[in-house]
Every structure is written in C-alpha cells, then in structure tokens.
Protein backbone atom coordinates (compact mmCIF):
# COMPACT_ATOMS: atom_id res chain seq x y z
CA UNK A 1 -13.32 9.31 -3.84
CA UNK A 2 -16.33 7.45 -5.07
CA UNK A 3 -18.09 8.37 -1.80
CA UNK A 4 -16.92 12.28 -1.58
CA UNK A 5 -18.62 12.59 -4.89
CA UNK A 6 -21.81 10.96 -4.56
CA UNK A 7 -22.49 12.88 -1.36
CA UNK A 8 -21.47 16.26 -3.38
CA UNK A 9 -24.07 14.87 -6.42
CA UNK A 10 -26.53 14.47 -3.41
CA UNK A 11 -25.95 17.91 -1.84
CA UNK A 12 -26.36 19.14 -5.27
CA UNK A 13 -29.62 17.66 -6.13
CA UNK A 14 -31.01 18.37 -2.64
CA UNK A 15 -29.94 22.04 -3.13
CA UNK A 16 -31.20 22.10 -6.86
CA UNK A 17 -34.63 20.93 -5.40
CA UNK A 18 -34.90 23.48 -2.62
CA UNK A 19 -34.38 26.40 -4.90
CA UNK A 20 -36.79 24.63 -7.54
CA UNK A 21 -39.61 24.70 -4.82
CA UNK A 22 -39.00 27.84 -3.43
CA UNK A 23 -39.44 29.52 -7.14
CA UNK A 24 -42.71 27.29 -7.69
CA UNK A 25 -43.78 27.80 -3.93
CA UNK A 26 -46.12 30.71 -5.30
CA UNK A 27 -48.25 28.71 -7.57
CA UNK A 28 -50.97 27.33 -6.21
CA UNK A 29 -51.75 24.55 -8.00
CA UNK A 30 -50.65 22.82 -11.59
CA UNK A 31 -52.95 21.44 -13.89
CA UNK A 32 -51.17 18.88 -16.20
CA UNK A 33 -52.57 18.67 -19.58
CA UNK A 34 -51.89 15.18 -20.98
CA UNK A 35 -53.01 12.90 -24.07
CA UNK A 36 -52.54 9.55 -25.08
CA UNK A 37 -52.46 10.24 -28.57
CA UNK A 38 -51.49 13.40 -30.75
CA UNK A 39 -54.36 14.74 -32.69
CA UNK A 40 -56.91 15.27 -30.22
CA UNK A 41 -56.85 18.86 -29.40
CA UNK A 42 -54.92 18.85 -26.41
CA UNK A 43 -53.19 22.25 -26.84
CA UNK A 44 -56.35 23.83 -28.06
CA UNK A 45 -57.85 23.02 -24.76
CA UNK A 46 -54.94 23.84 -22.71
CA UNK A 47 -54.97 27.25 -24.39
CA UNK A 48 -58.88 27.96 -23.78
CA UNK A 49 -58.64 26.35 -20.47
CA UNK A 50 -56.06 28.57 -19.39
CA UNK A 51 -57.63 31.67 -20.88
CA UNK A 52 -61.04 30.53 -19.16
CA UNK A 53 -59.59 30.09 -15.46
CA UNK A 54 -58.06 33.63 -16.20
CA UNK A 55 -61.67 35.15 -17.41
CA UNK A 56 -62.99 33.76 -14.29
CA UNK A 57 -60.77 35.50 -11.83
CA UNK A 58 -57.61 32.99 -11.44
CA UNK A 59 -53.99 34.30 -11.73
CA UNK A 60 -53.04 31.82 -14.06
CA UNK A 61 -50.16 30.77 -16.19
CA UNK A 62 -49.32 28.26 -19.21
CA UNK A 63 -46.55 26.72 -20.00
CA UNK A 64 -46.18 24.58 -23.38
CA UNK A 65 -43.45 21.95 -22.40
CA UNK A 66 -43.95 20.39 -26.28
CA UNK A 67 -40.36 20.91 -26.93
CA UNK A 68 -40.47 19.37 -30.26
CA UNK A 69 -43.56 20.88 -31.56
CA UNK A 70 -44.69 24.12 -29.08
CA UNK A 71 -48.16 25.09 -30.78
CA UNK A 72 -49.59 27.65 -27.64
CA UNK A 73 -47.09 30.73 -28.79
CA UNK A 74 -49.42 30.75 -32.47
CA UNK A 75 -52.34 30.23 -30.98
CA UNK A 76 -52.22 33.29 -28.86
CA UNK A 77 -50.61 35.21 -31.65
CA UNK A 78 -47.15 35.20 -30.01
CA UNK A 79 -45.25 33.16 -32.62
CA UNK A 80 -43.00 36.25 -33.39
CA UNK A 81 -42.04 37.05 -29.78
CA UNK A 82 -38.64 36.01 -28.38
CA UNK A 83 -37.35 35.30 -24.32
CA UNK A 84 -37.31 38.43 -22.53
CA UNK A 85 -34.66 38.22 -19.42
CA UNK A 86 -34.84 40.71 -16.44
CA UNK A 87 -32.67 40.40 -13.16
CA UNK A 88 -31.82 36.91 -14.51
CA UNK A 89 -34.88 35.62 -14.78
CA UNK A 90 -37.44 34.71 -17.76
CA UNK A 91 -40.09 37.18 -17.95
CA UNK A 92 -43.24 35.67 -19.36
CA UNK A 93 -45.20 36.71 -22.19
CA UNK A 94 -48.81 38.38 -20.76
CA UNK A 95 -52.18 38.12 -23.00
CA UNK A 96 -55.68 38.40 -21.87
CA UNK A 97 -56.43 39.05 -18.96
CA UNK A 98 -52.97 38.96 -17.58
CA UNK A 99 -52.43 35.73 -18.50
CA UNK A 100 -48.83 34.99 -18.22
CA UNK A 101 -47.11 32.75 -21.06
CA UNK A 102 -44.04 30.77 -21.19
CA UNK A 103 -43.26 28.24 -24.54
CA UNK A 104 -39.88 26.45 -26.15
CA UNK A 105 -41.35 28.41 -29.23
CA UNK A 106 -39.84 31.82 -27.88
CA UNK A 107 -36.63 30.23 -28.22
CA UNK A 108 -36.27 29.33 -31.56
CA UNK A 109 -35.29 31.78 -34.16
CA UNK A 110 -38.55 30.46 -36.91
CA UNK A 111 -41.02 27.77 -36.47
CA UNK A 112 -39.91 25.66 -39.07
CA UNK A 113 -36.71 25.02 -37.08
CA UNK A 114 -36.27 21.66 -35.54
CA UNK A 115 -35.40 20.79 -32.22
CA UNK A 116 -32.87 18.03 -31.69
CA UNK A 117 -32.80 16.90 -28.32
CA UNK A 118 -32.25 13.70 -26.05
CA UNK A 119 -34.08 13.11 -22.89
CA UNK A 120 -31.66 14.86 -20.22
CA UNK A 121 -31.56 18.12 -21.92
CA UNK A 122 -35.06 18.67 -22.33
CA UNK A 123 -35.27 17.94 -18.34
CA UNK A 124 -33.01 20.44 -18.15
CA UNK A 125 -34.93 23.20 -20.38
CA UNK A 126 -38.30 22.55 -18.37
CA UNK A 127 -36.78 22.80 -14.96
CA UNK A 128 -35.35 26.21 -16.31
CA UNK A 129 -39.15 26.57 -17.23
CA UNK A 130 -40.32 26.01 -13.51
CA UNK A 131 -37.16 27.35 -11.71
CA UNK A 132 -36.11 30.61 -13.44
CA UNK A 133 -39.43 31.92 -15.11
CA UNK A 134 -40.71 35.48 -13.05
CA UNK A 135 -44.40 33.86 -12.42
CA UNK A 136 -45.18 35.70 -9.52
CA UNK A 137 -48.13 34.90 -7.60
CA UNK A 138 -50.34 32.36 -9.30
CA UNK A 139 -53.54 30.75 -8.46
CA UNK A 140 -53.14 27.84 -11.42
CA UNK A 141 -50.23 26.77 -14.09
CA UNK A 142 -51.64 24.53 -16.82
CA UNK A 143 -49.00 23.00 -18.69
CA UNK A 144 -49.53 21.52 -21.99
CA UNK A 145 -47.47 18.42 -22.82
CA UNK A 146 -47.46 16.60 -25.63
CA UNK A 147 -49.17 13.49 -25.88
CA UNK A 148 -47.71 10.55 -24.55
CA UNK A 149 -45.67 9.43 -21.20
CA UNK A 150 -42.14 10.49 -22.32
CA UNK A 151 -39.93 12.73 -21.33
CA UNK A 152 -41.97 16.08 -20.99
CA UNK A 153 -44.47 14.59 -19.10
CA UNK A 154 -42.14 12.96 -17.11
CA UNK A 155 -39.63 15.53 -15.99
CA UNK A 156 -42.72 17.78 -15.11
CA UNK A 157 -44.37 15.20 -12.78
CA UNK A 158 -40.96 14.30 -11.13
CA UNK A 159 -40.00 17.78 -10.67
CA UNK A 160 -43.39 19.06 -9.08
CA UNK A 161 -44.68 18.74 -5.72
CA UNK A 162 -47.58 16.26 -6.69
CA UNK A 163 -49.53 17.28 -3.46
CA UNK A 164 -50.39 20.71 -5.48
CA UNK A 165 -50.50 18.98 -9.14
CA UNK A 166 -53.01 17.21 -10.92
CA UNK A 167 -53.70 15.92 -14.58
CA UNK A 168 -56.22 16.65 -17.07
CA UNK A 169 -56.45 14.10 -19.25
CA UNK A 170 -57.69 15.03 -23.00
CA UNK A 171 -59.45 12.33 -25.39
CA UNK A 172 -61.48 12.03 -28.37
CA UNK A 173 -64.67 9.57 -28.28
CA UNK A 174 -62.81 7.39 -30.93
CA UNK A 175 -61.84 3.69 -29.23
CA UNK A 176 -58.31 4.28 -30.57
CA UNK A 177 -57.73 7.65 -28.44
CA UNK A 178 -59.39 6.19 -25.42
CA UNK A 179 -57.05 2.75 -25.77
CA UNK A 180 -54.27 5.02 -25.33
CA UNK A 181 -55.88 7.36 -22.80
CA UNK A 182 -55.56 4.31 -20.47
CA UNK A 183 -51.76 4.42 -20.63
CA UNK A 184 -51.80 7.95 -19.29
CA UNK A 185 -53.99 7.08 -16.75
CA UNK A 186 -51.84 4.28 -15.75
CA UNK A 187 -49.27 6.50 -16.11
CA UNK A 188 -50.90 8.97 -13.24
CA UNK A 189 -51.08 6.32 -11.17
CA UNK A 190 -47.78 4.95 -11.30
CA UNK A 191 -46.20 8.22 -10.39
CA UNK A 192 -48.96 9.02 -7.96
CA UNK A 193 -50.44 11.97 -9.66
CA UNK A 194 -54.16 12.86 -8.84
CA UNK A 195 -55.91 12.69 -11.88
CA UNK A 196 -58.53 15.87 -11.62
CA UNK A 197 -60.46 14.14 -14.49
CA UNK A 198 -61.12 13.74 -18.54
CA UNK A 199 -61.99 15.74 -21.15
CA UNK A 200 -64.00 14.57 -24.47
CA UNK A 201 -62.72 16.40 -27.19
CA UNK A 202 -64.46 16.89 -30.67
CA UNK A 203 -67.18 15.25 -29.10
CA UNK A 204 -70.22 15.82 -31.40
CA UNK A 205 -70.58 18.36 -34.10
CA UNK A 206 -72.10 21.67 -33.83
CA UNK A 207 -74.21 23.17 -37.18
CA UNK A 208 -72.91 26.48 -37.80
CA UNK A 209 -76.25 27.73 -39.36
CA UNK A 210 -78.73 25.42 -36.96
CA UNK A 211 -76.45 25.32 -34.37
CA UNK A 212 -78.10 21.81 -33.49
CA UNK A 213 -75.35 19.08 -32.57
CA UNK A 214 -74.70 15.61 -34.22
CA UNK A 215 -72.45 12.97 -33.40
CA UNK A 216 -70.42 12.52 -36.32
CA UNK A 217 -68.22 10.30 -35.27
CA UNK A 218 -68.92 9.07 -31.81
CA UNK A 219 -69.64 10.21 -28.46
CA UNK A 220 -69.38 9.20 -24.86
CA UNK A 221 -66.02 7.38 -24.83
CA UNK A 222 -64.58 10.18 -22.22
CA UNK A 223 -67.52 9.53 -20.28
CA UNK A 224 -66.68 5.50 -19.95
CA UNK A 225 -63.38 5.84 -19.78
CA UNK A 226 -64.24 7.54 -16.50
CA UNK A 227 -66.10 5.58 -14.79
CA UNK A 228 -63.86 2.01 -15.74
CA UNK A 229 -61.33 3.93 -13.79
CA UNK A 230 -63.79 5.88 -11.17
CA UNK A 231 -62.14 9.61 -12.25
CA UNK A 232 -64.18 12.10 -12.75
CA UNK A 233 -65.88 13.10 -15.81
CA UNK A 234 -65.01 17.12 -16.63
CA UNK A 235 -67.33 17.42 -19.57
CA UNK A 236 -67.17 17.49 -23.56
CA UNK A 237 -66.30 19.64 -26.33
CA UNK A 238 -67.80 19.50 -29.36
CA UNK A 239 -66.52 20.34 -32.83
CA UNK A 240 -66.74 23.62 -33.57
CA UNK A 241 -65.69 25.03 -37.23
CA UNK A 242 -64.34 28.52 -35.26
CA UNK A 243 -62.05 26.70 -33.32
CA UNK A 244 -59.86 25.53 -36.06
CA UNK A 245 -60.17 29.24 -37.85
CA UNK A 246 -59.23 30.34 -34.54
CA UNK A 247 -56.10 28.46 -34.24
CA UNK A 248 -55.55 29.59 -37.91
CA UNK A 249 -56.16 33.18 -37.24
CA UNK A 250 -53.40 33.18 -33.90
CA UNK A 251 -56.31 33.64 -31.36
CA UNK A 252 -57.89 32.26 -28.65
CA UNK A 253 -61.39 30.53 -29.79
CA UNK A 254 -62.47 31.69 -26.07
CA UNK A 255 -61.09 35.60 -26.67
CA UNK A 256 -63.48 35.92 -30.17
CA UNK A 257 -66.56 33.78 -29.00
CA UNK A 258 -67.32 34.02 -25.25
CA UNK A 259 -70.71 33.44 -25.49
CA UNK A 260 -71.46 30.23 -27.79
CA UNK A 261 -72.33 26.64 -27.08
CA UNK A 262 -68.78 25.79 -27.30
CA UNK A 263 -67.88 28.74 -24.71
CA UNK A 264 -70.06 27.50 -21.90
CA UNK A 265 -68.97 23.94 -22.63
CA UNK A 266 -65.41 25.15 -21.39
CA UNK A 267 -67.02 27.33 -18.84
CA UNK A 268 -68.61 24.16 -17.32
CA UNK A 269 -65.15 22.18 -17.31
CA UNK A 270 -63.67 25.40 -15.44
CA UNK A 271 -66.02 25.57 -13.03
CA UNK A 272 -65.16 22.01 -12.17
CA UNK A 273 -61.44 22.26 -11.86
CA UNK A 274 -62.25 25.33 -10.02
CA UNK A 275 -64.10 23.13 -7.47
CA UNK A 276 -61.88 21.02 -7.46
CA UNK A 277 -58.61 23.46 -7.20
CA UNK A 278 -60.46 24.95 -4.12
CA UNK A 279 -61.12 21.87 -2.86
CA UNK A 280 -57.04 20.97 -3.00
CA UNK A 281 -56.48 24.58 -1.59
CA UNK A 282 -58.91 23.96 1.44
CA UNK A 283 -57.06 20.30 2.09
CA UNK A 284 -53.57 21.64 1.66
CA UNK A 285 -54.30 24.67 3.87
CA UNK A 286 -55.62 22.18 6.79
CA UNK A 287 -52.70 20.18 6.39
CA UNK A 288 -50.52 22.68 6.87
CA UNK A 289 -52.38 24.49 9.62
CA UNK A 290 -52.09 21.02 11.77
CA UNK A 291 -48.62 20.65 10.87
CA UNK A 292 -46.36 20.24 14.07
CA UNK A 293 -45.45 23.76 15.56
CA UNK A 294 -48.94 24.99 14.59
CA UNK A 295 -50.91 21.71 16.28
CA UNK A 296 -51.81 23.76 19.66
CA UNK A 297 -52.42 27.18 18.07
CA UNK A 298 -54.55 25.09 16.28
CA UNK A 299 -56.46 23.04 18.96
CA UNK A 300 -58.91 25.71 20.48
CA UNK A 301 -62.37 25.84 20.15
CA UNK A 302 -63.77 26.73 16.84
CA UNK A 303 -60.76 25.46 14.87
CA UNK A 304 -60.57 23.48 12.47
CA UNK A 305 -58.77 21.28 14.53
CA UNK A 306 -60.75 21.22 17.35
CA UNK A 307 -63.24 18.94 15.99
CA UNK A 308 -66.26 21.62 16.97
C-alpha cells in the first residue's frame, strides 16, 4: 500500500506540475523582486518597474505574493477591489497600459484583516495565483515577494522554470541593508535562480526646490555589492518626496510624474531589464530551435545552428 500511495502522489505531483507549466507557458519571463530586509521600498520599486515595463510596450503583469502584508493594491488604487472569476479562472485587475494585477489583498474583506497561515497554505495560494489566473500572453511578470528568504520566495522559485525567471534584488545604501542582501544573493545561488541585478533604492535625496541631489544617508552600497558578487548593477533610485505622497494617494509614482529625474532613473533600470529580457529570450529561442527534432531543420546555411 505504501508503494502504491507513493506512486500515486508522484503521479499527482507530476500532473500538477504539467498543469502549472502549461498555464504559465504564455509568460515569457518572470522577474522576481526580492529584498534582504523590510523597509527598503521593494514594493514601490516592483510597482513602478512593472508600470514602466508596460509603458515601454511590453505586455506585463504584477503578482503580489506578500501574503501577510500585501501593499500592491493600495499603490494602484485597487484597495477596495475583490477577486473576480470567469470560467473557473481568476481574472486580474487591469490598470495603466493594460498592466495586469493580482494580490492576496483582493481576497481580504478589509486591509486590516490579519492573514494567519503556515507555509504549506501559503505555497498553495501562490500556486493558485500562478496556475489559475487568466494572465494571457505576457512578455513579463513581475513578482513582488516579501522581504527575506522564507516561504513565499522559496515557493515562487520552486514553482517556476528558472530558465525563464530571474531575480531583481532591492537594497538601500546602508551597510545593515546590504548585509541582508548578501543572504538573498546566497538564496538565489543555492536555488540556481539567475540574478538580473541589484537596484539601490533611496540613494541620495533630490531637493524638491532646486532639484539638486545630496547623499543624506549614503550611496554606492548596491554597486559595491554588485562588484563583490559579480552581479549586474541596474541603477539607483533617489529619495523623492513624491514617491511617498503617491503611495499615500493610491497612485503609482510614474503615472503622475513620468518626466522627473526619478522617472528617468526608473527608465534606465527598465532599459537594462529589457536588454536582459531580450538576451534571455534569444538564448531560449536558440536552445528551443536546436533541440532534438528541430536540429535537422536548423542545420541549413544561414540558420542559427549552421555557424555561417
């Protein structure tokens, strides 16, 4: 009986994995946004990067897997929205430029409700958000994880195909934050998750009057980390009073301030994300093209495999 049960469980797991792979197969790449500790502005970065990717012409979605403290709905002005279903699938909310949004927050009666769940239950919810959401064809899915290396980021990485996923790690310049980021880098390496790069948030302060920039805390911590671990440095985002104000007013910063210095910094980071995304897509397509049954078709003059 034990052997039969084990076989049944293995078969069920394989079937579930096949279903998941089929459902997320239309998502070309997933950027998993992580941070070593809380308070570094990771969700703000996630929301504005997703919006910027969408504004740059990529079909984009954002998934908030911060089960205990979802903040993405509020940042998009969706805090009163609830889960919508159609044909047994969850339908994402759509905001600016068709950006698709899903969050644990849509399941709560009130933003003040506490979510009391253990690891397996959280993993089940994350799987539902990946498998049973009508994401459609997406170029990019941005996943906003809670800080640290616990159940949520672990579940995300274990459920996704790491050949089509990568991490974006957010830090602030201070040494205390960068120490915890080293743990996130170690997490990614242990799980064979590629790291697209590091974003240094709250790096310098832009004066709202003269628009000059001053390092009131420090800067360069993210860049030093990137050098230490041979990871790409995606860029720095300054402290901008309008970012905090935008969050309080339930609107993404970039939707209201698309032409500021801070917006330009987001744009530079997104250009680097796009370059990384396109490079990964080209590699994936070449690998697919040269795989087994297509090898003969691909061997002709001028093909990607011919060497000419």
